[in-house]
Amino acid sequence: MKKYFVAFLSFLFILEGSKLQLLLPQSWGSTFVMIPALVVSGLISISFYLPRRYVLWIGFIFGLFHDIVYGPAIGIKAFTFPLVAYGTYLLSGAFSLYQWIAGITFFLGQSAYFIILYGWYWLFGFTNMDFSYAFWLHIVPSILLNWLLAYLIHQPIRWIYQKKRNRSIIFDTILR
């Protein structure tokens, strides 16, 4: 089952860097900047179903891929992805997983991701932007975009998990 999740995250990684960039308002000259983070939404969704060590490893590997392909320094997203995935894993384990709780978890996870990412970029000198300016023109639109896209990402992951779970004769050992 884990290979299906990794394949889906790989698809999101490719989609995030290619076709989705053409649909964003900054490509049309808008002052609002929306940063797609489909892989983060996928990691948050996967953290609902897989054990924490798999979520941490998958988060680290995809964060490292992000750092190599898109990032200004190696290690920023390789640390941030597992941190956000682990935080959402802890949140999802504390509550029953209803749709509205999943939505709140997606919102909190995306918010934590973008604020931590801004903090790393500011710490290492990759941005000189004031936090309030970055928050209102970059972080809030990005959170709202990714929060809406997270629902579309969560549905296939939930379907994969339920399909594989229902097929098995013996319950998976990864159930909480």
N, C-alpha and C. Protein backbone atom coordinates (compact mmCIF):
# COMPACT_ATOMS: atom_id res chain seq x y z
N MET A 1 0.82 -1.18 0.00
CA MET A 1 0.00 0.00 0.00
C MET A 1 0.87 1.25 0.00
N LYS A 2 2.02 1.19 0.66
CA LYS A 2 2.87 2.37 0.75
C LYS A 2 3.39 2.80 -0.62
N LYS A 3 3.58 1.83 -1.53
CA LYS A 3 4.08 2.19 -2.85
C LYS A 3 3.06 3.02 -3.63
N TYR A 4 1.77 2.81 -3.38
CA TYR A 4 0.75 3.62 -4.04
C TYR A 4 0.79 5.05 -3.52
N PHE A 5 1.02 5.20 -2.22
CA PHE A 5 1.13 6.53 -1.65
C PHE A 5 2.35 7.27 -2.20
N VAL A 6 3.47 6.57 -2.31
CA VAL A 6 4.68 7.19 -2.84
C VAL A 6 4.50 7.55 -4.31
N ALA A 7 3.84 6.69 -5.07
CA ALA A 7 3.58 7.00 -6.48
C ALA A 7 2.67 8.22 -6.61
N PHE A 8 1.67 8.32 -5.76
CA PHE A 8 0.76 9.46 -5.80
C PHE A 8 1.50 10.74 -5.40
N LEU A 9 2.37 10.67 -4.40
CA LEU A 9 3.16 11.84 -4.02
C LEU A 9 4.13 12.25 -5.14
N SER A 10 4.67 11.28 -5.86
CA SER A 10 5.54 11.59 -6.99
C SER A 10 4.76 12.31 -8.09
N PHE A 11 3.54 11.86 -8.33
CA PHE A 11 2.67 12.55 -9.29
C PHE A 11 2.40 13.98 -8.85
N LEU A 12 2.13 14.18 -7.57
CA LEU A 12 1.89 15.53 -7.04
C LEU A 12 3.14 16.40 -7.16
N PHE A 13 4.31 15.81 -6.94
CA PHE A 13 5.58 16.54 -7.05
C PHE A 13 5.78 17.06 -8.47
N ILE A 14 5.49 16.22 -9.45
CA ILE A 14 5.64 16.62 -10.85
C ILE A 14 4.58 17.65 -11.22
N LEU A 15 3.35 17.44 -10.79
CA LEU A 15 2.26 18.38 -11.09
C LEU A 15 2.51 19.74 -10.46
N GLU A 16 3.04 19.74 -9.27
CA GLU A 16 3.30 20.99 -8.53
C GLU A 16 4.31 21.88 -9.25
N GLY A 17 5.28 21.29 -9.89
CA GLY A 17 6.32 22.07 -10.54
C GLY A 17 6.10 22.33 -12.01
N SER A 18 5.07 21.73 -12.61
CA SER A 18 4.92 21.89 -14.05
C SER A 18 3.62 22.61 -14.42
N LYS A 19 2.55 21.89 -14.52
CA LYS A 19 1.30 22.44 -15.05
C LYS A 19 0.61 23.41 -14.11
N LEU A 20 0.73 23.21 -12.83
CA LEU A 20 0.02 24.06 -11.88
C LEU A 20 0.57 25.48 -11.86
N GLN A 21 1.83 25.66 -12.21
CA GLN A 21 2.44 26.99 -12.20
C GLN A 21 1.78 27.93 -13.20
N LEU A 22 1.23 27.39 -14.28
CA LEU A 22 0.60 28.22 -15.30
C LEU A 22 -0.75 28.76 -14.87
N LEU A 23 -1.37 28.16 -13.87
CA LEU A 23 -2.70 28.57 -13.42
C LEU A 23 -2.67 29.56 -12.27
N LEU A 24 -1.52 29.84 -11.73
CA LEU A 24 -1.41 30.70 -10.55
C LEU A 24 -1.42 32.17 -10.93
N PRO A 25 -1.93 33.04 -10.04
CA PRO A 25 -2.05 34.46 -10.38
C PRO A 25 -0.72 35.19 -10.60
N GLN A 26 0.37 34.75 -9.99
CA GLN A 26 1.63 35.43 -10.19
C GLN A 26 2.15 35.25 -11.61
N SER A 27 1.71 34.21 -12.31
CA SER A 27 2.12 34.05 -13.71
C SER A 27 1.37 35.03 -14.61
N TRP A 28 0.31 35.64 -14.10
CA TRP A 28 -0.45 36.65 -14.85
C TRP A 28 -0.07 38.06 -14.43
N GLY A 29 0.85 38.24 -13.49
CA GLY A 29 1.31 39.54 -13.06
C GLY A 29 0.64 40.08 -11.81
N SER A 30 -0.01 39.26 -11.03
CA SER A 30 -0.68 39.70 -9.81
C SER A 30 0.33 39.91 -8.68
N THR A 31 -0.03 40.78 -7.72
CA THR A 31 0.85 40.99 -6.57
C THR A 31 0.71 39.88 -5.54
N PHE A 32 -0.41 39.17 -5.57
CA PHE A 32 -0.58 38.02 -4.68
C PHE A 32 0.24 36.86 -5.22
N VAL A 33 0.94 36.21 -4.33
CA VAL A 33 1.75 35.06 -4.72
C VAL A 33 1.18 33.83 -4.03
N MET A 34 0.78 32.86 -4.82
CA MET A 34 0.27 31.59 -4.29
C MET A 34 1.30 30.51 -4.58
N ILE A 35 1.76 29.88 -3.53
CA ILE A 35 2.78 28.85 -3.65
C ILE A 35 2.09 27.50 -3.49
N PRO A 36 2.05 26.69 -4.54
CA PRO A 36 1.42 25.37 -4.38
C PRO A 36 2.31 24.44 -3.57
N ALA A 37 1.71 23.74 -2.65
CA ALA A 37 2.42 22.76 -1.82
C ALA A 37 1.62 21.47 -1.81
N LEU A 38 1.48 20.88 -2.98
CA LEU A 38 0.67 19.67 -3.10
C LEU A 38 1.29 18.50 -2.35
N VAL A 39 2.60 18.42 -2.35
CA VAL A 39 3.27 17.31 -1.66
C VAL A 39 3.04 17.42 -0.15
N VAL A 40 3.03 18.63 0.37
CA VAL A 40 2.76 18.82 1.80
C VAL A 40 1.34 18.38 2.12
N SER A 41 0.39 18.74 1.24
CA SER A 41 -0.99 18.29 1.45
C SER A 41 -1.09 16.77 1.39
N GLY A 42 -0.34 16.17 0.46
CA GLY A 42 -0.32 14.71 0.39
C GLY A 42 0.30 14.08 1.62
N LEU A 43 1.37 14.68 2.13
CA LEU A 43 2.00 14.16 3.35
C LEU A 43 1.07 14.27 4.55
N ILE A 44 0.36 15.38 4.64
CA ILE A 44 -0.59 15.54 5.74
C ILE A 44 -1.67 14.47 5.64
N SER A 45 -2.15 14.23 4.43
CA SER A 45 -3.18 13.21 4.24
C SER A 45 -2.66 11.81 4.54
N ILE A 46 -1.44 11.53 4.13
CA ILE A 46 -0.85 10.22 4.39
C ILE A 46 -0.60 10.02 5.89
N SER A 47 -0.33 11.11 6.59
CA SER A 47 -0.09 10.99 8.04
C SER A 47 -1.33 10.54 8.79
N PHE A 48 -2.49 10.62 8.18
CA PHE A 48 -3.71 10.10 8.80
C PHE A 48 -3.74 8.58 8.80
N TYR A 49 -3.02 7.95 7.87
CA TYR A 49 -3.19 6.52 7.65
C TYR A 49 -1.95 5.68 7.91
N LEU A 50 -0.76 6.23 7.75
CA LEU A 50 0.46 5.44 7.90
C LEU A 50 1.11 5.68 9.26
N PRO A 51 1.94 4.76 9.73
CA PRO A 51 2.67 4.97 10.99
C PRO A 51 3.68 6.10 10.86
N ARG A 52 4.07 6.64 12.00
CA ARG A 52 4.88 7.85 11.99
C ARG A 52 6.25 7.65 11.37
N ARG A 53 6.88 6.50 11.51
CA ARG A 53 8.23 6.36 10.94
C ARG A 53 8.19 6.39 9.42
N TYR A 54 7.14 5.81 8.80
CA TYR A 54 7.01 5.89 7.35
C TYR A 54 6.72 7.31 6.91
N VAL A 55 5.88 7.99 7.66
CA VAL A 55 5.55 9.38 7.33
C VAL A 55 6.80 10.26 7.45
N LEU A 56 7.59 10.03 8.48
CA LEU A 56 8.82 10.82 8.64
C LEU A 56 9.81 10.56 7.51
N TRP A 57 9.99 9.30 7.14
CA TRP A 57 10.92 8.98 6.06
C TRP A 57 10.44 9.49 4.72
N ILE A 58 9.16 9.31 4.43
CA ILE A 58 8.62 9.81 3.17
C ILE A 58 8.72 11.33 3.14
N GLY A 59 8.43 11.98 4.27
CA GLY A 59 8.55 13.43 4.34
C GLY A 59 9.98 13.90 4.12
N PHE A 60 10.93 13.20 4.73
CA PHE A 60 12.34 13.57 4.55
C PHE A 60 12.78 13.41 3.11
N ILE A 61 12.41 12.29 2.48
CA ILE A 61 12.84 12.03 1.11
C ILE A 61 12.23 13.05 0.14
N PHE A 62 10.93 13.31 0.27
CA PHE A 62 10.32 14.28 -0.63
C PHE A 62 10.77 15.71 -0.31
N GLY A 63 11.07 16.00 0.94
CA GLY A 63 11.65 17.29 1.28
C GLY A 63 13.02 17.47 0.67
N LEU A 64 13.81 16.40 0.67
CA LEU A 64 15.12 16.45 0.04
C LEU A 64 15.00 16.64 -1.47
N PHE A 65 14.03 15.95 -2.09
CA PHE A 65 13.76 16.16 -3.52
C PHE A 65 13.41 17.63 -3.78
N HIS A 66 12.57 18.19 -2.94
CA HIS A 66 12.19 19.60 -3.09
C HIS A 66 13.40 20.50 -2.95
N ASP A 67 14.24 20.22 -1.98
CA ASP A 67 15.44 21.05 -1.80
C ASP A 67 16.37 20.96 -3.00
N ILE A 68 16.53 19.78 -3.55
CA ILE A 68 17.43 19.61 -4.69
C ILE A 68 16.87 20.28 -5.94
N VAL A 69 15.57 20.14 -6.19
CA VAL A 69 14.99 20.65 -7.42
C VAL A 69 14.63 22.13 -7.32
N TYR A 70 13.99 22.54 -6.23
CA TYR A 70 13.45 23.90 -6.15
C TYR A 70 14.13 24.80 -5.12
N GLY A 71 14.75 24.24 -4.12
CA GLY A 71 15.17 25.03 -2.97
C GLY A 71 16.49 25.75 -3.13
N PRO A 72 16.67 26.83 -2.37
CA PRO A 72 17.95 27.54 -2.39
C PRO A 72 19.04 26.86 -1.56
N ALA A 73 18.64 25.99 -0.62
CA ALA A 73 19.62 25.29 0.22
C ALA A 73 19.08 23.90 0.55
N ILE A 74 19.98 22.96 0.66
CA ILE A 74 19.56 21.60 0.97
C ILE A 74 19.36 21.46 2.47
N GLY A 75 18.21 20.95 2.86
CA GLY A 75 17.93 20.69 4.25
C GLY A 75 16.76 21.46 4.81
N ILE A 76 16.38 22.57 4.18
CA ILE A 76 15.29 23.38 4.73
C ILE A 76 13.98 22.62 4.66
N LYS A 77 13.61 22.18 3.48
CA LYS A 77 12.35 21.44 3.34
C LYS A 77 12.50 19.99 3.78
N ALA A 78 13.73 19.47 3.74
CA ALA A 78 13.96 18.11 4.23
C ALA A 78 13.72 18.03 5.73
N PHE A 79 13.83 19.13 6.43
CA PHE A 79 13.51 19.18 7.85
C PHE A 79 12.05 19.58 8.08
N THR A 80 11.54 20.50 7.27
CA THR A 80 10.20 21.04 7.48
C THR A 80 9.11 20.03 7.12
N PHE A 81 9.27 19.28 6.04
CA PHE A 81 8.25 18.30 5.64
C PHE A 81 7.99 17.27 6.74
N PRO A 82 9.04 16.60 7.28
CA PRO A 82 8.76 15.62 8.35
C PRO A 82 8.22 16.27 9.62
N LEU A 83 8.64 17.48 9.92
CA LEU A 83 8.14 18.17 11.10
C LEU A 83 6.64 18.42 11.01
N VAL A 84 6.19 18.91 9.86
CA VAL A 84 4.76 19.15 9.66
C VAL A 84 4.00 17.83 9.62
N ALA A 85 4.55 16.83 8.94
CA ALA A 85 3.88 15.53 8.86
C ALA A 85 3.75 14.89 10.24
N TYR A 86 4.78 15.01 11.06
CA TYR A 86 4.72 14.44 12.40
C TYR A 86 3.72 15.19 13.27
N GLY A 87 3.68 16.49 13.15
CA GLY A 87 2.70 17.27 13.91
C GLY A 87 1.27 16.91 13.53
N THR A 88 1.02 16.74 12.24
CA THR A 88 -0.33 16.35 11.83
C THR A 88 -0.63 14.89 12.19
N TYR A 89 0.41 14.06 12.23
CA TYR A 89 0.21 12.68 12.69
C TYR A 89 -0.26 12.69 14.14
N LEU A 90 0.37 13.50 14.97
CA LEU A 90 -0.04 13.58 16.37
C LEU A 90 -1.45 14.15 16.51
N LEU A 91 -1.79 15.14 15.70
CA LEU A 91 -3.15 15.70 15.75
C LEU A 91 -4.19 14.68 15.31
N SER A 92 -3.89 13.94 14.25
CA SER A 92 -4.86 12.98 13.74
C SER A 92 -5.02 11.79 14.68
N GLY A 93 -4.00 11.49 15.45
CA GLY A 93 -4.11 10.40 16.42
C GLY A 93 -4.89 10.78 17.65
N ALA A 94 -5.00 12.07 17.91
CA ALA A 94 -5.69 12.54 19.11
C ALA A 94 -7.20 12.62 18.92
N PHE A 95 -7.66 12.70 17.68
CA PHE A 95 -9.09 12.88 17.40
C PHE A 95 -9.57 11.81 16.44
N SER A 96 -10.88 11.57 16.44
CA SER A 96 -11.48 10.72 15.41
C SER A 96 -11.43 11.48 14.09
N LEU A 97 -11.22 10.76 13.01
CA LEU A 97 -10.98 11.42 11.73
C LEU A 97 -12.29 11.66 10.98
N TYR A 98 -12.93 12.76 11.28
CA TYR A 98 -14.08 13.21 10.50
C TYR A 98 -13.58 14.19 9.45
N GLN A 99 -14.43 14.50 8.45
CA GLN A 99 -14.01 15.41 7.39
C GLN A 99 -13.64 16.78 7.93
N TRP A 100 -14.41 17.31 8.84
CA TRP A 100 -14.14 18.67 9.33
C TRP A 100 -12.87 18.70 10.18
N ILE A 101 -12.57 17.62 10.88
CA ILE A 101 -11.32 17.56 11.64
C ILE A 101 -10.14 17.44 10.68
N ALA A 102 -10.33 16.67 9.61
CA ALA A 102 -9.28 16.59 8.59
C ALA A 102 -9.04 17.96 7.97
N GLY A 103 -10.10 18.72 7.72
CA GLY A 103 -9.96 20.07 7.17
C GLY A 103 -9.20 21.00 8.10
N ILE A 104 -9.51 20.94 9.38
CA ILE A 104 -8.79 21.77 10.36
C ILE A 104 -7.33 21.34 10.43
N THR A 105 -7.08 20.04 10.37
CA THR A 105 -5.71 19.53 10.41
C THR A 105 -4.93 19.99 9.18
N PHE A 106 -5.58 19.95 8.01
CA PHE A 106 -4.93 20.46 6.80
C PHE A 106 -4.59 21.94 6.95
N PHE A 107 -5.53 22.72 7.47
CA PHE A 107 -5.31 24.15 7.64
C PHE A 107 -4.15 24.42 8.60
N LEU A 108 -4.13 23.74 9.72
CA LEU A 108 -3.06 23.93 10.70
C LEU A 108 -1.71 23.46 10.15
N GLY A 109 -1.71 22.33 9.44
CA GLY A 109 -0.47 21.82 8.86
C GLY A 109 0.10 22.74 7.80
N GLN A 110 -0.77 23.24 6.92
CA GLN A 110 -0.31 24.17 5.88
C GLN A 110 0.18 25.48 6.50
N SER A 111 -0.54 25.96 7.51
CA SER A 111 -0.12 27.20 8.19
C SER A 111 1.25 27.02 8.83
N ALA A 112 1.44 25.92 9.53
CA ALA A 112 2.73 25.65 10.16
C ALA A 112 3.83 25.54 9.11
N TYR A 113 3.54 24.87 8.00
CA TYR A 113 4.54 24.70 6.94
C TYR A 113 5.02 26.05 6.40
N PHE A 114 4.09 26.91 6.04
CA PHE A 114 4.49 28.18 5.43
C PHE A 114 5.15 29.13 6.42
N ILE A 115 4.72 29.12 7.66
CA ILE A 115 5.34 29.99 8.65
C ILE A 115 6.74 29.49 9.01
N ILE A 116 6.91 28.19 9.16
CA ILE A 116 8.24 27.63 9.43
C ILE A 116 9.17 27.87 8.23
N LEU A 117 8.64 27.70 7.02
CA LEU A 117 9.45 27.92 5.83
C LEU A 117 9.89 29.38 5.73
N TYR A 118 8.99 30.32 6.03
CA TYR A 118 9.39 31.73 6.05
C TYR A 118 10.48 31.96 7.11
N GLY A 119 10.32 31.34 8.26
CA GLY A 119 11.32 31.49 9.32
C GLY A 119 12.69 30.99 8.90
N TRP A 120 12.74 29.85 8.23
CA TRP A 120 14.03 29.33 7.75
C TRP A 120 14.63 30.27 6.70
N TYR A 121 13.80 30.72 5.75
CA TYR A 121 14.32 31.61 4.71
C TYR A 121 14.81 32.93 5.29
N TRP A 122 14.11 33.45 6.29
CA TRP A 122 14.54 34.69 6.93
C TRP A 122 15.82 34.46 7.73
N LEU A 123 15.91 33.32 8.43
CA LEU A 123 17.08 33.02 9.24
C LEU A 123 18.35 32.91 8.40
N PHE A 124 18.24 32.25 7.24
CA PHE A 124 19.41 32.06 6.39
C PHE A 124 19.63 33.19 5.40
N GLY A 125 18.79 34.22 5.44
CA GLY A 125 18.99 35.39 4.59
C GLY A 125 18.52 35.24 3.16
N PHE A 126 17.63 34.31 2.89
CA PHE A 126 17.10 34.16 1.54
C PHE A 126 15.96 35.13 1.25
N THR A 127 15.41 35.75 2.28
CA THR A 127 14.37 36.76 2.10
C THR A 127 14.63 37.93 3.03
N ASN A 128 14.34 39.12 2.54
CA ASN A 128 14.44 40.33 3.34
C ASN A 128 13.06 40.90 3.61
N MET A 129 12.04 40.18 3.21
CA MET A 129 10.67 40.65 3.29
C MET A 129 10.19 40.69 4.74
N ASP A 130 9.47 41.75 5.08
CA ASP A 130 8.88 41.88 6.40
C ASP A 130 7.83 40.79 6.59
N PHE A 131 7.69 40.29 7.83
CA PHE A 131 6.76 39.19 8.07
C PHE A 131 5.32 39.56 7.77
N SER A 132 4.88 40.75 8.14
CA SER A 132 3.48 41.12 7.89
C SER A 132 3.19 41.21 6.40
N TYR A 133 4.13 41.74 5.63
CA TYR A 133 3.97 41.79 4.17
C TYR A 133 3.93 40.38 3.59
N ALA A 134 4.87 39.55 4.00
CA ALA A 134 4.90 38.17 3.51
C ALA A 134 3.67 37.39 3.95
N PHE A 135 3.21 37.66 5.16
CA PHE A 135 2.05 36.93 5.68
C PHE A 135 0.81 37.22 4.86
N TRP A 136 0.54 38.49 4.60
CA TRP A 136 -0.72 38.84 3.92
C TRP A 136 -0.67 38.65 2.41
N LEU A 137 0.49 38.78 1.79
CA LEU A 137 0.55 38.67 0.33
C LEU A 137 1.10 37.33 -0.17
N HIS A 138 1.72 36.55 0.68
CA HIS A 138 2.27 35.26 0.25
C HIS A 138 1.70 34.09 1.04
N ILE A 139 1.75 34.18 2.36
CA ILE A 139 1.40 33.03 3.20
C ILE A 139 -0.11 32.78 3.21
N VAL A 140 -0.92 33.80 3.46
CA VAL A 140 -2.37 33.60 3.53
C VAL A 140 -2.95 33.11 2.20
N PRO A 141 -2.62 33.73 1.04
CA PRO A 141 -3.15 33.17 -0.21
C PRO A 141 -2.67 31.74 -0.48
N SER A 142 -1.43 31.44 -0.09
CA SER A 142 -0.91 30.08 -0.30
C SER A 142 -1.63 29.07 0.59
N ILE A 143 -1.90 29.46 1.83
CA ILE A 143 -2.63 28.56 2.73
C ILE A 143 -4.03 28.29 2.20
N LEU A 144 -4.71 29.33 1.74
CA LEU A 144 -6.08 29.15 1.23
C LEU A 144 -6.09 28.29 -0.03
N LEU A 145 -5.15 28.52 -0.94
CA LEU A 145 -5.07 27.69 -2.15
C LEU A 145 -4.82 26.24 -1.80
N ASN A 146 -3.86 25.99 -0.94
CA ASN A 146 -3.51 24.61 -0.59
C ASN A 146 -4.56 23.95 0.27
N TRP A 147 -5.28 24.73 1.04
CA TRP A 147 -6.37 24.17 1.83
C TRP A 147 -7.49 23.67 0.92
N LEU A 148 -7.78 24.42 -0.14
CA LEU A 148 -8.79 23.97 -1.10
C LEU A 148 -8.31 22.75 -1.89
N LEU A 149 -7.05 22.77 -2.30
CA LEU A 149 -6.51 21.65 -3.06
C LEU A 149 -6.31 20.40 -2.19
N ALA A 150 -6.18 20.59 -0.89
CA ALA A 150 -5.97 19.45 0.00
C ALA A 150 -7.16 18.51 0.00
N TYR A 151 -8.36 19.05 -0.15
CA TYR A 151 -9.54 18.18 -0.21
C TYR A 151 -9.48 17.29 -1.44
N LEU A 152 -9.06 17.86 -2.57
CA LEU A 152 -8.95 17.06 -3.80
C LEU A 152 -7.84 16.02 -3.70
N ILE A 153 -6.82 16.31 -2.93
CA ILE A 153 -5.72 15.37 -2.75
C ILE A 153 -6.09 14.28 -1.75
N HIS A 154 -6.84 14.66 -0.73
CA HIS A 154 -7.20 13.72 0.33
C HIS A 154 -8.13 12.61 -0.17
N GLN A 155 -9.00 12.93 -1.09
CA GLN A 155 -9.97 11.94 -1.56
C GLN A 155 -9.31 10.73 -2.23
N PRO A 156 -8.36 10.89 -3.18
CA PRO A 156 -7.72 9.70 -3.74
C PRO A 156 -6.89 8.91 -2.72
N ILE A 157 -6.25 9.61 -1.80
CA ILE A 157 -5.45 8.91 -0.78
C ILE A 157 -6.37 8.11 0.13
N ARG A 158 -7.48 8.69 0.51
CA ARG A 158 -8.45 7.96 1.33
C ARG A 158 -9.02 6.76 0.58
N TRP A 159 -9.26 6.93 -0.72
CA TRP A 159 -9.79 5.85 -1.54
C TRP A 159 -8.76 4.71 -1.65
N ILE A 160 -7.48 5.05 -1.87
CA ILE A 160 -6.43 4.03 -1.94
C ILE A 160 -6.35 3.27 -0.63
N TYR A 161 -6.38 3.99 0.48
CA TYR A 161 -6.27 3.35 1.79
C TYR A 161 -7.45 2.42 2.04
N GLN A 162 -8.67 2.88 1.77
CA GLN A 162 -9.85 2.06 2.04
C GLN A 162 -9.93 0.88 1.10
N LYS A 163 -9.53 1.06 -0.16
CA LYS A 163 -9.56 -0.04 -1.11
C LYS A 163 -8.59 -1.14 -0.70
N LYS A 164 -7.38 -0.76 -0.35
CA LYS A 164 -6.38 -1.76 0.05
C LYS A 164 -6.74 -2.38 1.40
N ARG A 165 -7.34 -1.61 2.27
CA ARG A 165 -7.72 -2.14 3.58
C ARG A 165 -8.86 -3.14 3.45
N ASN A 166 -9.82 -2.85 2.60
CA ASN A 166 -10.96 -3.74 2.42
C ASN A 166 -10.58 -5.02 1.68
N ARG A 167 -9.54 -4.97 0.86
CA ARG A 167 -9.12 -6.15 0.13
C ARG A 167 -8.43 -7.18 1.01
N SER A 168 -7.77 -6.71 2.03
CA SER A 168 -6.97 -7.62 2.84
C SER A 168 -7.86 -8.50 3.71
N ILE A 169 -7.44 -9.72 3.89
CA ILE A 169 -8.19 -10.66 4.72
C ILE A 169 -7.95 -10.35 6.19
N ILE A 170 -6.71 -10.10 6.52
CA ILE A 170 -6.34 -9.76 7.89
C ILE A 170 -6.12 -8.26 7.94
N PHE A 171 -6.56 -7.64 9.02
CA PHE A 171 -6.41 -6.19 9.13
C PHE A 171 -4.94 -5.81 9.09
N ASP A 172 -4.68 -4.68 8.48
CA ASP A 172 -3.30 -4.19 8.38
C ASP A 172 -2.74 -3.94 9.77
N THR A 173 -1.44 -4.08 9.86
CA THR A 173 -0.80 -3.80 11.13
C THR A 173 -0.56 -2.32 11.34
N ILE A 174 -0.88 -1.52 10.32
CA ILE A 174 -0.63 -0.09 10.45
C ILE A 174 -1.83 0.67 10.99
N LEU A 175 -2.90 -0.05 11.31
CA LEU A 175 -4.05 0.63 11.89
C LEU A 175 -3.70 1.11 13.28
N ARG A 176 -4.25 2.23 13.64
CA ARG A 176 -3.96 2.79 14.96
C ARG A 176 -4.90 2.21 15.97
